[in-house]
Each structure stands twice: as structure tokens, then as C-alpha cells.
Amino acid sequence: MLNLSKLEFVALDISGKNYLSWILDAEIHLAAKGLDVTITQGNEASSQDKTKDMIFLRHHLNEGLKIKYLIVKDPLELWTDLKGRYDHLKATVLPRARYNWMHLWFQDFKTVTKNNSIVFRITS
């Protein structure tokens, strides 16, 4: 089935390769919609806000993740499960990307195109 509605940002990939940017985008969009309270511990959010949040979060998940978390109805539970599944990337991917960024020298590349492709690979 085709997803006909427009995504505000890229859906979370099942491999988690875009988790760090996805979680930041999700937090920003939820805060802008006034729904960020639904993903905090001990929240007093209404069931309507929780439902809006679940629709938004599920809309921005890969189809495989949607199936895996099919029975999860609470946005805090989904948020916590995804964090448990992918949060380790902050300790593994982020330091490597920072190291690569700090040791990237323009003069190490024969062409600007090669430099740009490496820069884009590090930042993504």
C-alpha cells in the first residue's frame, strides 16, 4: 500500500542508520505540535494527544518497524523501545563520525567531488 501523505522528515530505517537525525527531527516536530509531553516519563497527556503522537511517530517509521511495534499503543513505550534498540549508536557511530570529520583534510583528495562525497557520507 502506498503512503500518500507527505512525511515531515525521513522515516526511521529498520537498520537504524538514520536514528540520530530521526530522533532529533521527531523531538523538534513533536515540540512544535505541543506533543512532546507524551514522550516524557510520568506525563499527564490526554488520550487524544497520545493518539496524535502515535499516529505521527508510526507515520515516520519503516514498514518493518511498524509491524514489529504493531501492538504498542503508548507513545512513551514506543519511544523507550526505539531508544533501547538504537540509542547505542550514539556511543558507536557518533564518535567515529566526529573523528572522521576532525581528520578530514581538503588537500587529501584529488578532486572536489571526491571530497564532497566523503563529507556527505560522514554527515549522513
PDB file of N, CA and C in Angstrom:
ATOM      1  N   MET A   1       0.845  -1.175   0.000  1.00  0.00           N
ATOM      2  CA  MET A   1       0.000   0.000   0.000  1.00  0.00           C
ATOM      3  C   MET A   1       0.893   1.242   0.000  1.00  0.00           C
ATOM      4  N   LEU A   2       0.565   2.194  -0.819  1.00  0.00           N
ATOM      5  CA  LEU A   2       1.354   3.409  -0.925  1.00  0.00           C
ATOM      6  C   LEU A   2       1.037   4.368   0.208  1.00  0.00           C
ATOM      7  N   ASN A   3       2.074   5.025   0.671  1.00  0.00           N
ATOM      8  CA  ASN A   3       1.904   6.042   1.700  1.00  0.00           C
ATOM      9  C   ASN A   3       1.725   7.373   0.978  1.00  0.00           C
ATOM     10  N   LEU A   4       0.499   7.865   0.920  1.00  0.00           N
ATOM     11  CA  LEU A   4       0.197   9.036   0.103  1.00  0.00           C
ATOM     12  C   LEU A   4       0.416  10.358   0.810  1.00  0.00           C
ATOM     13  N   SER A   5       0.452  10.365   2.122  1.00  0.00           N
ATOM     14  CA  SER A   5       0.653  11.631   2.825  1.00  0.00           C
ATOM     15  C   SER A   5       2.137  11.951   2.919  1.00  0.00           C
ATOM     16  N   LYS A   6       2.433  13.219   2.910  1.00  0.00           N
ATOM     17  CA  LYS A   6       3.815  13.697   2.884  1.00  0.00           C
ATOM     18  C   LYS A   6       4.463  13.552   4.263  1.00  0.00           C
ATOM     19  N   LEU A   7       5.694  13.084   4.280  1.00  0.00           N
ATOM     20  CA  LEU A   7       6.455  12.975   5.522  1.00  0.00           C
ATOM     21  C   LEU A   7       7.106  14.312   5.837  1.00  0.00           C
ATOM     22  N   GLU A   8       7.121  14.682   7.112  1.00  0.00           N
ATOM     23  CA  GLU A   8       7.803  15.907   7.529  1.00  0.00           C
ATOM     24  C   GLU A   8       9.319  15.722   7.493  1.00  0.00           C
ATOM     25  N   PHE A   9       9.770  14.481   7.713  1.00  0.00           N
ATOM     26  CA  PHE A   9      11.186  14.130   7.645  1.00  0.00           C
ATOM     27  C   PHE A   9      11.279  12.655   7.287  1.00  0.00           C
ATOM     28  N   VAL A  10      12.482  12.171   7.036  1.00  0.00           N
ATOM     29  CA  VAL A  10      12.695  10.798   6.581  1.00  0.00           C
ATOM     30  C   VAL A  10      12.285   9.805   7.667  1.00  0.00           C
ATOM     31  N   ALA A  11      11.609   8.744   7.262  1.00  0.00           N
ATOM     32  CA  ALA A  11      11.176   7.703   8.197  1.00  0.00           C
ATOM     33  C   ALA A  11      12.386   6.966   8.764  1.00  0.00           C
ATOM     34  N   LEU A  12      12.252   6.481   9.995  1.00  0.00           N
ATOM     35  CA  LEU A  12      13.326   5.729  10.650  1.00  0.00           C
ATOM     36  C   LEU A  12      13.540   4.410   9.927  1.00  0.00           C
ATOM     37  N   ASP A  13      14.753   4.185   9.475  1.00  0.00           N
ATOM     38  CA  ASP A  13      15.114   2.961   8.776  1.00  0.00           C
ATOM     39  C   ASP A  13      15.236   1.820   9.780  1.00  0.00           C
ATOM     40  N   ILE A  14      14.906   0.619   9.367  1.00  0.00           N
ATOM     41  CA  ILE A  14      14.945  -0.525  10.275  1.00  0.00           C
ATOM     42  C   ILE A  14      16.370  -0.834  10.735  1.00  0.00           C
ATOM     43  N   SER A  15      17.364  -0.473   9.927  1.00  0.00           N
ATOM     44  CA  SER A  15      18.760  -0.694  10.321  1.00  0.00           C
ATOM     45  C   SER A  15      19.218   0.320  11.366  1.00  0.00           C
ATOM     46  N   GLY A  16      18.491   1.419  11.494  1.00  0.00           N
ATOM     47  CA  GLY A  16      18.839   2.443  12.473  1.00  0.00           C
ATOM     48  C   GLY A  16      19.895   3.414  12.003  1.00  0.00           C
ATOM     49  N   LYS A  17      20.271   3.343  10.730  1.00  0.00           N
ATOM     50  CA  LYS A  17      21.364   4.194  10.252  1.00  0.00           C
ATOM     51  C   LYS A  17      21.031   5.680  10.311  1.00  0.00           C
ATOM     52  N   ASN A  18      19.751   6.027  10.315  1.00  0.00           N
ATOM     53  CA  ASN A  18      19.373   7.438  10.405  1.00  0.00           C
ATOM     54  C   ASN A  18      18.724   7.776  11.753  1.00  0.00           C
ATOM     55  N   TYR A  19      18.975   6.939  12.762  1.00  0.00           N
ATOM     56  CA  TYR A  19      18.331   7.130  14.066  1.00  0.00           C
ATOM     57  C   TYR A  19      18.694   8.464  14.706  1.00  0.00           C
ATOM     58  N   LEU A  20      19.956   8.845  14.664  1.00  0.00           N
ATOM     59  CA  LEU A  20      20.383  10.070  15.344  1.00  0.00           C
ATOM     60  C   LEU A  20      19.692  11.300  14.763  1.00  0.00           C
ATOM     61  N   SER A  21      19.590  11.380  13.456  1.00  0.00           N
ATOM     62  CA  SER A  21      18.886  12.520  12.859  1.00  0.00           C
ATOM     63  C   SER A  21      17.377  12.370  13.030  1.00  0.00           C
ATOM     64  N   TRP A  22      16.874  11.122  12.983  1.00  0.00           N
ATOM     65  CA  TRP A  22      15.432  10.890  13.129  1.00  0.00           C
ATOM     66  C   TRP A  22      14.938  11.310  14.508  1.00  0.00           C
ATOM     67  N   ILE A  23      15.670  10.953  15.547  1.00  0.00           N
ATOM     68  CA  ILE A  23      15.211  11.264  16.905  1.00  0.00           C
ATOM     69  C   ILE A  23      15.213  12.773  17.143  1.00  0.00           C
ATOM     70  N   LEU A  24      16.200  13.462  16.596  1.00  0.00           N
ATOM     71  CA  LEU A  24      16.241  14.918  16.718  1.00  0.00           C
ATOM     72  C   LEU A  24      15.065  15.549  15.970  1.00  0.00           C
ATOM     73  N   ASP A  25      14.830  15.091  14.741  1.00  0.00           N
ATOM     74  CA  ASP A  25      13.697  15.605  13.958  1.00  0.00           C
ATOM     75  C   ASP A  25      12.368  15.318  14.649  1.00  0.00           C
ATOM     76  N   ALA A  26      12.217  14.117  15.183  1.00  0.00           N
ATOM     77  CA  ALA A  26      10.966  13.745  15.854  1.00  0.00           C
ATOM     78  C   ALA A  26      10.729  14.615  17.082  1.00  0.00           C
ATOM     79  N   GLU A  27      11.771  14.830  17.890  1.00  0.00           N
ATOM     80  CA  GLU A  27      11.623  15.672  19.085  1.00  0.00           C
ATOM     81  C   GLU A  27      11.235  17.100  18.707  1.00  0.00           C
ATOM     82  N   ILE A  28      11.867  17.639  17.682  1.00  0.00           N
ATOM     83  CA  ILE A  28      11.576  19.012  17.250  1.00  0.00           C
ATOM     84  C   ILE A  28      10.137  19.125  16.744  1.00  0.00           C
ATOM     85  N   HIS A  29       9.713  18.191  15.918  1.00  0.00           N
ATOM     86  CA  HIS A  29       8.353  18.238  15.378  1.00  0.00           C
ATOM     87  C   HIS A  29       7.304  18.027  16.464  1.00  0.00           C
ATOM     88  N   LEU A  30       7.577  17.122  17.398  1.00  0.00           N
ATOM     89  CA  LEU A  30       6.618  16.911  18.488  1.00  0.00           C
ATOM     90  C   LEU A  30       6.514  18.151  19.367  1.00  0.00           C
ATOM     91  N   ALA A  31       7.645  18.801  19.622  1.00  0.00           N
ATOM     92  CA  ALA A  31       7.627  20.032  20.421  1.00  0.00           C
ATOM     93  C   ALA A  31       6.852  21.131  19.690  1.00  0.00           C
ATOM     94  N   ALA A  32       7.042  21.222  18.388  1.00  0.00           N
ATOM     95  CA  ALA A  32       6.331  22.238  17.609  1.00  0.00           C
ATOM     96  C   ALA A  32       4.821  22.002  17.610  1.00  0.00           C
ATOM     97  N   LYS A  33       4.427  20.744  17.685  1.00  0.00           N
ATOM     98  CA  LYS A  33       2.998  20.411  17.709  1.00  0.00           C
ATOM     99  C   LYS A  33       2.436  20.382  19.129  1.00  0.00           C
ATOM    100  N   GLY A  34       3.304  20.617  20.122  1.00  0.00           N
ATOM    101  CA  GLY A  34       2.858  20.598  21.509  1.00  0.00           C
ATOM    102  C   GLY A  34       2.620  19.199  22.041  1.00  0.00           C
ATOM    103  N   LEU A  35       3.233  18.198  21.413  1.00  0.00           N
ATOM    104  CA  LEU A  35       3.028  16.807  21.808  1.00  0.00           C
ATOM    105  C   LEU A  35       4.249  16.190  22.478  1.00  0.00           C
ATOM    106  N   ASP A  36       5.278  16.996  22.743  1.00  0.00           N
ATOM    107  CA  ASP A  36       6.497  16.444  23.327  1.00  0.00           C
ATOM    108  C   ASP A  36       6.287  15.916  24.742  1.00  0.00           C
ATOM    109  N   VAL A  37       5.238  16.343  25.407  1.00  0.00           N
ATOM    110  CA  VAL A  37       4.967  15.873  26.766  1.00  0.00           C
ATOM    111  C   VAL A  37       4.607  14.383  26.768  1.00  0.00           C
ATOM    112  N   THR A  38       4.111  13.868  25.652  1.00  0.00           N
ATOM    113  CA  THR A  38       3.677  12.470  25.592  1.00  0.00           C
ATOM    114  C   THR A  38       4.831  11.479  25.625  1.00  0.00           C
ATOM    115  N   ILE A  39       6.051  11.935  25.365  1.00  0.00           N
ATOM    116  CA  ILE A  39       7.200  11.022  25.358  1.00  0.00           C
ATOM    117  C   ILE A  39       8.098  11.222  26.572  1.00  0.00           C
ATOM    118  N   THR A  40       7.574  11.887  27.603  1.00  0.00           N
ATOM    119  CA  THR A  40       8.332  12.061  28.837  1.00  0.00           C
ATOM    120  C   THR A  40       7.747  11.176  29.925  1.00  0.00           C
ATOM    121  N   GLN A  41       8.609  10.713  30.803  1.00  0.00           N
ATOM    122  CA  GLN A  41       8.203   9.825  31.893  1.00  0.00           C
ATOM    123  C   GLN A  41       7.228  10.532  32.828  1.00  0.00           C
ATOM    124  N   GLY A  42       6.192   9.837  33.255  1.00  0.00           N
ATOM    125  CA  GLY A  42       5.229  10.392  34.197  1.00  0.00           C
ATOM    126  C   GLY A  42       4.376  11.501  33.626  1.00  0.00           C
ATOM    127  N   ASN A  43       4.107  11.451  32.346  1.00  0.00           N
ATOM    128  CA  ASN A  43       3.339  12.525  31.707  1.00  0.00           C
ATOM    129  C   ASN A  43       1.855  12.421  32.046  1.00  0.00           C
ATOM    130  N   GLU A  44       1.188  13.532  31.941  1.00  0.00           N
ATOM    131  CA  GLU A  44      -0.256  13.613  32.191  1.00  0.00           C
ATOM    132  C   GLU A  44      -0.993  13.975  30.900  1.00  0.00           C
ATOM    133  N   ALA A  45      -0.506  13.472  29.788  1.00  0.00           N
ATOM    134  CA  ALA A  45      -1.091  13.807  28.487  1.00  0.00           C
ATOM    135  C   ALA A  45      -2.451  13.140  28.317  1.00  0.00           C
ATOM    136  N   SER A  46      -3.307  13.811  27.589  1.00  0.00           N
ATOM    137  CA  SER A  46      -4.637  13.256  27.320  1.00  0.00           C
ATOM    138  C   SER A  46      -4.521  12.101  26.325  1.00  0.00           C
ATOM    139  N   SER A  47      -5.537  11.270  26.296  1.00  0.00           N
ATOM    140  CA  SER A  47      -5.520  10.141  25.364  1.00  0.00           C
ATOM    141  C   SER A  47      -5.555  10.634  23.914  1.00  0.00           C
ATOM    142  N   GLN A  48      -6.167  11.790  23.686  1.00  0.00           N
ATOM    143  CA  GLN A  48      -6.201  12.359  22.340  1.00  0.00           C
ATOM    144  C   GLN A  48      -4.793  12.774  21.897  1.00  0.00           C
ATOM    145  N   ASP A  49      -4.026  13.402  22.799  1.00  0.00           N
ATOM    146  CA  ASP A  49      -2.649  13.780  22.471  1.00  0.00           C
ATOM    147  C   ASP A  49      -1.785  12.542  22.240  1.00  0.00           C
ATOM    148  N   LYS A  50      -1.979  11.517  23.051  1.00  0.00           N
ATOM    149  CA  LYS A  50      -1.214  10.278  22.877  1.00  0.00           C
ATOM    150  C   LYS A  50      -1.528   9.633  21.529  1.00  0.00           C
ATOM    151  N   THR A  51      -2.781   9.673  21.147  1.00  0.00           N
ATOM    152  CA  THR A  51      -3.176   9.106  19.859  1.00  0.00           C
ATOM    153  C   THR A  51      -2.573   9.901  18.705  1.00  0.00           C
ATOM    154  N   LYS A  52      -2.600  11.225  18.790  1.00  0.00           N
ATOM    155  CA  LYS A  52      -1.981  12.069  17.755  1.00  0.00           C
ATOM    156  C   LYS A  52      -0.491  11.764  17.643  1.00  0.00           C
ATOM    157  N   ASP A  53       0.152  11.613  18.795  1.00  0.00           N
ATOM    158  CA  ASP A  53       1.581  11.324  18.824  1.00  0.00           C
ATOM    159  C   ASP A  53       1.879   9.964  18.199  1.00  0.00           C
ATOM    160  N   MET A  54       1.079   8.955  18.515  1.00  0.00           N
ATOM    161  CA  MET A  54       1.288   7.626  17.939  1.00  0.00           C
ATOM    162  C   MET A  54       1.105   7.651  16.425  1.00  0.00           C
ATOM    163  N   ILE A  55       0.109   8.375  15.954  1.00  0.00           N
ATOM    164  CA  ILE A  55      -0.095   8.489  14.506  1.00  0.00           C
ATOM    165  C   ILE A  55       1.135   9.125  13.864  1.00  0.00           C
ATOM    166  N   PHE A  56       1.633  10.198  14.472  1.00  0.00           N
ATOM    167  CA  PHE A  56       2.800  10.900  13.939  1.00  0.00           C
ATOM    168  C   PHE A  56       4.039  10.000  13.944  1.00  0.00           C
ATOM    169  N   LEU A  57       4.310   9.345  15.076  1.00  0.00           N
ATOM    170  CA  LEU A  57       5.505   8.503  15.178  1.00  0.00           C
ATOM    171  C   LEU A  57       5.430   7.308  14.229  1.00  0.00           C
ATOM    172  N   ARG A  58       4.304   6.629  14.203  1.00  0.00           N
ATOM    173  CA  ARG A  58       4.160   5.459  13.326  1.00  0.00           C
ATOM    174  C   ARG A  58       4.250   5.860  11.847  1.00  0.00           C
ATOM    175  N   HIS A  59       3.792   7.050  11.534  1.00  0.00           N
ATOM    176  CA  HIS A  59       3.864   7.554  10.164  1.00  0.00           C
ATOM    177  C   HIS A  59       5.321   7.713   9.715  1.00  0.00           C
ATOM    178  N   HIS A  60       6.217   7.935  10.668  1.00  0.00           N
ATOM    179  CA  HIS A  60       7.629   8.160  10.360  1.00  0.00           C
ATOM    180  C   HIS A  60       8.502   6.952  10.702  1.00  0.00           C
ATOM    181  N   LEU A  61       7.916   5.757  10.646  1.00  0.00           N
ATOM    182  CA  LEU A  61       8.658   4.515  10.852  1.00  0.00           C
ATOM    183  C   LEU A  61       8.678   3.705   9.562  1.00  0.00           C
ATOM    184  N   ASN A  62       9.747   2.949   9.388  1.00  0.00           N
ATOM    185  CA  ASN A  62       9.856   1.998   8.298  1.00  0.00           C
ATOM    186  C   ASN A  62       8.759   0.945   8.457  1.00  0.00           C
ATOM    187  N   GLU A  63       8.303   0.364   7.362  1.00  0.00           N
ATOM    188  CA  GLU A  63       7.221  -0.633   7.412  1.00  0.00           C
ATOM    189  C   GLU A  63       7.569  -1.808   8.324  1.00  0.00           C
ATOM    190  N   GLY A  64       8.820  -2.237   8.309  1.00  0.00           N
ATOM    191  CA  GLY A  64       9.240  -3.339   9.179  1.00  0.00           C
ATOM    192  C   GLY A  64       9.117  -2.989  10.652  1.00  0.00           C
ATOM    193  N   LEU A  65       9.457  -1.749  11.003  1.00  0.00           N
ATOM    194  CA  LEU A  65       9.318  -1.308  12.393  1.00  0.00           C
ATOM    195  C   LEU A  65       7.851  -1.164  12.778  1.00  0.00           C
ATOM    196  N   LYS A  66       7.030  -0.730  11.842  1.00  0.00           N
ATOM    197  CA  LYS A  66       5.593  -0.629  12.122  1.00  0.00           C
ATOM    198  C   LYS A  66       5.021  -1.994  12.484  1.00  0.00           C
ATOM    199  N   ILE A  67       5.451  -3.015  11.764  1.00  0.00           N
ATOM    200  CA  ILE A  67       4.966  -4.369  12.038  1.00  0.00           C
ATOM    201  C   ILE A  67       5.496  -4.865  13.378  1.00  0.00           C
ATOM    202  N   LYS A  68       6.779  -4.606  13.649  1.00  0.00           N
ATOM    203  CA  LYS A  68       7.375  -5.064  14.908  1.00  0.00           C
ATOM    204  C   LYS A  68       6.680  -4.442  16.114  1.00  0.00           C
ATOM    205  N   TYR A  69       6.322  -3.180  16.026  1.00  0.00           N
ATOM    206  CA  TYR A  69       5.692  -2.472  17.145  1.00  0.00           C
ATOM    207  C   TYR A  69       4.189  -2.284  16.916  1.00  0.00           C
ATOM    208  N   LEU A  70       3.580  -3.259  16.272  1.00  0.00           N
ATOM    209  CA  LEU A  70       2.163  -3.190  15.928  1.00  0.00           C
ATOM    210  C   LEU A  70       1.247  -3.106  17.146  1.00  0.00           C
ATOM    211  N   ILE A  71       1.597  -3.796  18.223  1.00  0.00           N
ATOM    212  CA  ILE A  71       0.706  -3.831  19.390  1.00  0.00           C
ATOM    213  C   ILE A  71       0.981  -2.716  20.393  1.00  0.00           C
ATOM    214  N   VAL A  72       2.022  -1.929  20.166  1.00  0.00           N
ATOM    215  CA  VAL A  72       2.345  -0.831  21.084  1.00  0.00           C
ATOM    216  C   VAL A  72       1.367   0.315  20.838  1.00  0.00           C
ATOM    217  N   LYS A  73       0.687   0.724  21.890  1.00  0.00           N
ATOM    218  CA  LYS A  73      -0.330   1.784  21.777  1.00  0.00           C
ATOM    219  C   LYS A  73       0.075   3.079  22.479  1.00  0.00           C
ATOM    220  N   ASP A  74       1.082   3.012  23.344  1.00  0.00           N
ATOM    221  CA  ASP A  74       1.503   4.178  24.115  1.00  0.00           C
ATOM    222  C   ASP A  74       2.746   4.800  23.475  1.00  0.00           C
ATOM    223  N   PRO A  75       2.737   6.105  23.189  1.00  0.00           N
ATOM    224  CA  PRO A  75       3.899   6.735  22.549  1.00  0.00           C
ATOM    225  C   PRO A  75       5.160   6.675  23.411  1.00  0.00           C
ATOM    226  N   LEU A  76       5.010   6.755  24.729  1.00  0.00           N
ATOM    227  CA  LEU A  76       6.181   6.666  25.606  1.00  0.00           C
ATOM    228  C   LEU A  76       6.814   5.281  25.515  1.00  0.00           C
ATOM    229  N   GLU A  77       5.995   4.251  25.462  1.00  0.00           N
ATOM    230  CA  GLU A  77       6.508   2.886  25.338  1.00  0.00           C
ATOM    231  C   GLU A  77       7.227   2.697  24.006  1.00  0.00           C
ATOM    232  N   LEU A  78       6.654   3.204  22.925  1.00  0.00           N
ATOM    233  CA  LEU A  78       7.295   3.120  21.612  1.00  0.00           C
ATOM    234  C   LEU A  78       8.613   3.882  21.609  1.00  0.00           C
ATOM    235  N   TRP A  79       8.606   5.089  22.162  1.00  0.00           N
ATOM    236  CA  TRP A  79       9.803   5.931  22.226  1.00  0.00           C
ATOM    237  C   TRP A  79      10.907   5.221  23.011  1.00  0.00           C
ATOM    238  N   THR A  80      10.539   4.633  24.150  1.00  0.00           N
ATOM    239  CA  THR A  80      11.502   3.928  25.001  1.00  0.00           C
ATOM    240  C   THR A  80      12.039   2.683  24.302  1.00  0.00           C
ATOM    241  N   ASP A  81      11.172   1.937  23.635  1.00  0.00           N
ATOM    242  CA  ASP A  81      11.611   0.741  22.907  1.00  0.00           C
ATOM    243  C   ASP A  81      12.582   1.091  21.785  1.00  0.00           C
ATOM    244  N   LEU A  82      12.269   2.134  21.028  1.00  0.00           N
ATOM    245  CA  LEU A  82      13.164   2.555  19.945  1.00  0.00           C
ATOM    246  C   LEU A  82      14.490   3.056  20.498  1.00  0.00           C
ATOM    247  N   LYS A  83      14.423   3.762  21.616  1.00  0.00           N
ATOM    248  CA  LYS A  83      15.642   4.258  22.249  1.00  0.00           C
ATOM    249  C   LYS A  83      16.514   3.089  22.709  1.00  0.00           C
ATOM    250  N   GLY A  84      15.896   2.090  23.305  1.00  0.00           N
ATOM    251  CA  GLY A  84      16.638   0.908  23.734  1.00  0.00           C
ATOM    252  C   GLY A  84      17.245   0.145  22.576  1.00  0.00           C
ATOM    253  N   ARG A  85      16.551   0.157  21.459  1.00  0.00           N
ATOM    254  CA  ARG A  85      17.020  -0.577  20.284  1.00  0.00           C
ATOM    255  C   ARG A  85      18.161   0.136  19.560  1.00  0.00           C
ATOM    256  N   TYR A  86      18.105   1.466  19.484  1.00  0.00           N
ATOM    257  CA  TYR A  86      19.054   2.206  18.644  1.00  0.00           C
ATOM    258  C   TYR A  86      19.951   3.205  19.375  1.00  0.00           C
ATOM    259  N   ASP A  87      19.720   3.464  20.643  1.00  0.00           N
ATOM    260  CA  ASP A  87      20.466   4.525  21.327  1.00  0.00           C
ATOM    261  C   ASP A  87      21.960   4.232  21.434  1.00  0.00           C
ATOM    262  N   HIS A  88      22.344   2.963  21.334  1.00  0.00           N
ATOM    263  CA  HIS A  88      23.762   2.620  21.383  1.00  0.00           C
ATOM    264  C   HIS A  88      24.542   3.251  20.229  1.00  0.00           C
ATOM    265  N   LEU A  89      23.842   3.677  19.190  1.00  0.00           N
ATOM    266  CA  LEU A  89      24.512   4.307  18.052  1.00  0.00           C
ATOM    267  C   LEU A  89      25.202   5.605  18.445  1.00  0.00           C
ATOM    268  N   LYS A  90      24.689   6.267  19.488  1.00  0.00           N
ATOM    269  CA  LYS A  90      25.341   7.492  19.961  1.00  0.00           C
ATOM    270  C   LYS A  90      26.750   7.194  20.446  1.00  0.00           C
ATOM    271  N   ALA A  91      26.940   6.006  21.009  1.00  0.00           N
ATOM    272  CA  ALA A  91      28.251   5.640  21.542  1.00  0.00           C
ATOM    273  C   ALA A  91      29.165   5.035  20.483  1.00  0.00           C
ATOM    274  N   THR A  92      28.614   4.569  19.370  1.00  0.00           N
ATOM    275  CA  THR A  92      29.444   3.930  18.350  1.00  0.00           C
ATOM    276  C   THR A  92      29.607   4.773  17.092  1.00  0.00           C
ATOM    277  N   VAL A  93      28.522   5.221  16.518  1.00  0.00           N
ATOM    278  CA  VAL A  93      28.578   5.936  15.239  1.00  0.00           C
ATOM    279  C   VAL A  93      29.019   7.380  15.409  1.00  0.00           C
ATOM    280  N   LEU A  94      28.479   8.059  16.393  1.00  0.00           N
ATOM    281  CA  LEU A  94      28.766   9.481  16.574  1.00  0.00           C
ATOM    282  C   LEU A  94      30.249   9.769  16.822  1.00  0.00           C
ATOM    283  N   PRO A  95      30.930   9.049  17.728  1.00  0.00           N
ATOM    284  CA  PRO A  95      32.363   9.326  17.903  1.00  0.00           C
ATOM    285  C   PRO A  95      33.181   9.075  16.635  1.00  0.00           C
ATOM    286  N   ARG A  96      32.822   8.027  15.880  1.00  0.00           N
ATOM    287  CA  ARG A  96      33.539   7.738  14.640  1.00  0.00           C
ATOM    288  C   ARG A  96      33.324   8.855  13.624  1.00  0.00           C
ATOM    289  N   ALA A  97      32.116   9.359  13.524  1.00  0.00           N
ATOM    290  CA  ALA A  97      31.821  10.453  12.592  1.00  0.00           C
ATOM    291  C   ALA A  97      32.561  11.724  13.001  1.00  0.00           C
ATOM    292  N   ARG A  98      32.595  12.000  14.300  1.00  0.00           N
ATOM    293  CA  ARG A  98      33.330  13.184  14.776  1.00  0.00           C
ATOM    294  C   ARG A  98      34.821  13.057  14.487  1.00  0.00           C
ATOM    295  N   TYR A  99      35.377  11.871  14.705  1.00  0.00           N
ATOM    296  CA  TYR A  99      36.793  11.644  14.423  1.00  0.00           C
ATOM    297  C   TYR A  99      37.069  11.849  12.934  1.00  0.00           C
ATOM    298  N   ASN A 100      36.241  11.249  12.086  1.00  0.00           N
ATOM    299  CA  ASN A 100      36.422  11.395  10.636  1.00  0.00           C
ATOM    300  C   ASN A 100      36.309  12.849  10.207  1.00  0.00           C
ATOM    301  N   TRP A 101      35.376  13.573  10.812  1.00  0.00           N
ATOM    302  CA  TRP A 101      35.181  14.977  10.465  1.00  0.00           C
ATOM    303  C   TRP A 101      36.398  15.810  10.864  1.00  0.00           C
ATOM    304  N   MET A 102      36.942  15.544  12.043  1.00  0.00           N
ATOM    305  CA  MET A 102      38.086  16.319  12.533  1.00  0.00           C
ATOM    306  C   MET A 102      39.348  16.029  11.729  1.00  0.00           C
ATOM    307  N   HIS A 103      39.446  14.833  11.155  1.00  0.00           N
ATOM    308  CA  HIS A 103      40.651  14.453  10.423  1.00  0.00           C
ATOM    309  C   HIS A 103      40.463  14.492   8.909  1.00  0.00           C
ATOM    310  N   LEU A 104      39.455  15.194   8.482  1.00  0.00           N
ATOM    311  CA  LEU A 104      39.193  15.344   7.058  1.00  0.00           C
ATOM    312  C   LEU A 104      39.926  16.584   6.551  1.00  0.00           C
ATOM    313  N   TRP A 105      40.810  16.379   5.618  1.00  0.00           N
ATOM    314  CA  TRP A 105      41.581  17.481   5.049  1.00  0.00           C
ATOM    315  C   TRP A 105      41.261  17.598   3.570  1.00  0.00           C
ATOM    316  N   PHE A 106      41.004  18.801   3.137  1.00  0.00           N
ATOM    317  CA  PHE A 106      40.654  19.053   1.742  1.00  0.00           C
ATOM    318  C   PHE A 106      41.772  18.617   0.801  1.00  0.00           C
ATOM    319  N   GLN A 107      43.009  18.816   1.217  1.00  0.00           N
ATOM    320  CA  GLN A 107      44.142  18.511   0.348  1.00  0.00           C
ATOM    321  C   GLN A 107      44.374  17.009   0.172  1.00  0.00           C
ATOM    322  N   ASP A 108      43.695  16.172   0.962  1.00  0.00           N
ATOM    323  CA  ASP A 108      43.851  14.724   0.839  1.00  0.00           C
ATOM    324  C   ASP A 108      43.125  14.146  -0.374  1.00  0.00           C
ATOM    325  N   PHE A 109      42.370  14.946  -1.078  1.00  0.00           N
ATOM    326  CA  PHE A 109      41.558  14.456  -2.190  1.00  0.00           C
ATOM    327  C   PHE A 109      42.011  15.081  -3.501  1.00  0.00           C
ATOM    328  N   LYS A 110      41.959  14.283  -4.552  1.00  0.00           N
ATOM    329  CA  LYS A 110      42.389  14.763  -5.859  1.00  0.00           C
ATOM    330  C   LYS A 110      41.376  15.710  -6.484  1.00  0.00           C
ATOM    331  N   THR A 111      40.105  15.500  -6.187  1.00  0.00           N
ATOM    332  CA  THR A 111      39.073  16.359  -6.768  1.00  0.00           C
ATOM    333  C   THR A 111      38.121  16.844  -5.678  1.00  0.00           C
ATOM    334  N   VAL A 112      37.459  17.927  -5.969  1.00  0.00           N
ATOM    335  CA  VAL A 112      36.462  18.474  -5.048  1.00  0.00           C
ATOM    336  C   VAL A 112      35.284  17.503  -4.920  1.00  0.00           C
ATOM    337  N   THR A 113      34.975  16.814  -5.994  1.00  0.00           N
ATOM    338  CA  THR A 113      33.865  15.856  -5.979  1.00  0.00           C
ATOM    339  C   THR A 113      34.121  14.729  -4.989  1.00  0.00           C
ATOM    340  N   LYS A 114      35.342  14.201  -4.973  1.00  0.00           N
ATOM    341  CA  LYS A 114      35.674  13.144  -4.007  1.00  0.00           C
ATOM    342  C   LYS A 114      35.570  13.670  -2.579  1.00  0.00           C
ATOM    343  N   ASN A 115      36.054  14.882  -2.353  1.00  0.00           N
ATOM    344  CA  ASN A 115      35.957  15.494  -1.030  1.00  0.00           C
ATOM    345  C   ASN A 115      34.491  15.633  -0.618  1.00  0.00           C
ATOM    346  N   ASN A 116      33.672  16.143  -1.522  1.00  0.00           N
ATOM    347  CA  ASN A 116      32.252  16.331  -1.215  1.00  0.00           C
ATOM    348  C   ASN A 116      31.554  15.013  -0.913  1.00  0.00           C
ATOM    349  N   SER A 117      31.883  13.963  -1.653  1.00  0.00           N
ATOM    350  CA  SER A 117      31.227  12.677  -1.407  1.00  0.00           C
ATOM    351  C   SER A 117      31.601  12.128  -0.031  1.00  0.00           C
ATOM    352  N   ILE A 118      32.847  12.314   0.392  1.00  0.00           N
ATOM    353  CA  ILE A 118      33.262  11.874   1.733  1.00  0.00           C
ATOM    354  C   ILE A 118      32.569  12.713   2.800  1.00  0.00           C
ATOM    355  N   VAL A 119      32.484  14.006   2.594  1.00  0.00           N
ATOM    356  CA  VAL A 119      31.811  14.891   3.556  1.00  0.00           C
ATOM    357  C   VAL A 119      30.348  14.484   3.707  1.00  0.00           C
ATOM    358  N   PHE A 120      29.671  14.226   2.603  1.00  0.00           N
ATOM    359  CA  PHE A 120      28.264  13.824   2.663  1.00  0.00           C
ATOM    360  C   PHE A 120      28.103  12.467   3.337  1.00  0.00           C
ATOM    361  N   ARG A 121      29.050  11.546   3.116  1.00  0.00           N
ATOM    362  CA  ARG A 121      28.973  10.233   3.760  1.00  0.00           C
ATOM    363  C   ARG A 121      29.135  10.357   5.271  1.00  0.00           C
ATOM    364  N   ILE A 122      30.050  11.222   5.717  1.00  0.00           N
ATOM    365  CA  ILE A 122      30.269  11.421   7.155  1.00  0.00           C
ATOM    366  C   ILE A 122      29.052  12.071   7.796  1.00  0.00           C
ATOM    367  N   THR A 123      28.499  13.075   7.141  1.00  0.00           N
ATOM    368  CA  THR A 123      27.376  13.798   7.746  1.00  0.00           C
ATOM    369  C   THR A 123      26.082  13.011   7.715  1.00  0.00           C
ATOM    370  N   SER A 124      25.982  12.026   6.855  1.00  0.00           N
ATOM    371  CA  SER A 124      24.742  11.224   6.840  1.00  0.00           C
ATOM    372  C   SER A 124      24.906  10.023   7.674  1.00  0.00           C
TER     373      SER A 124
END
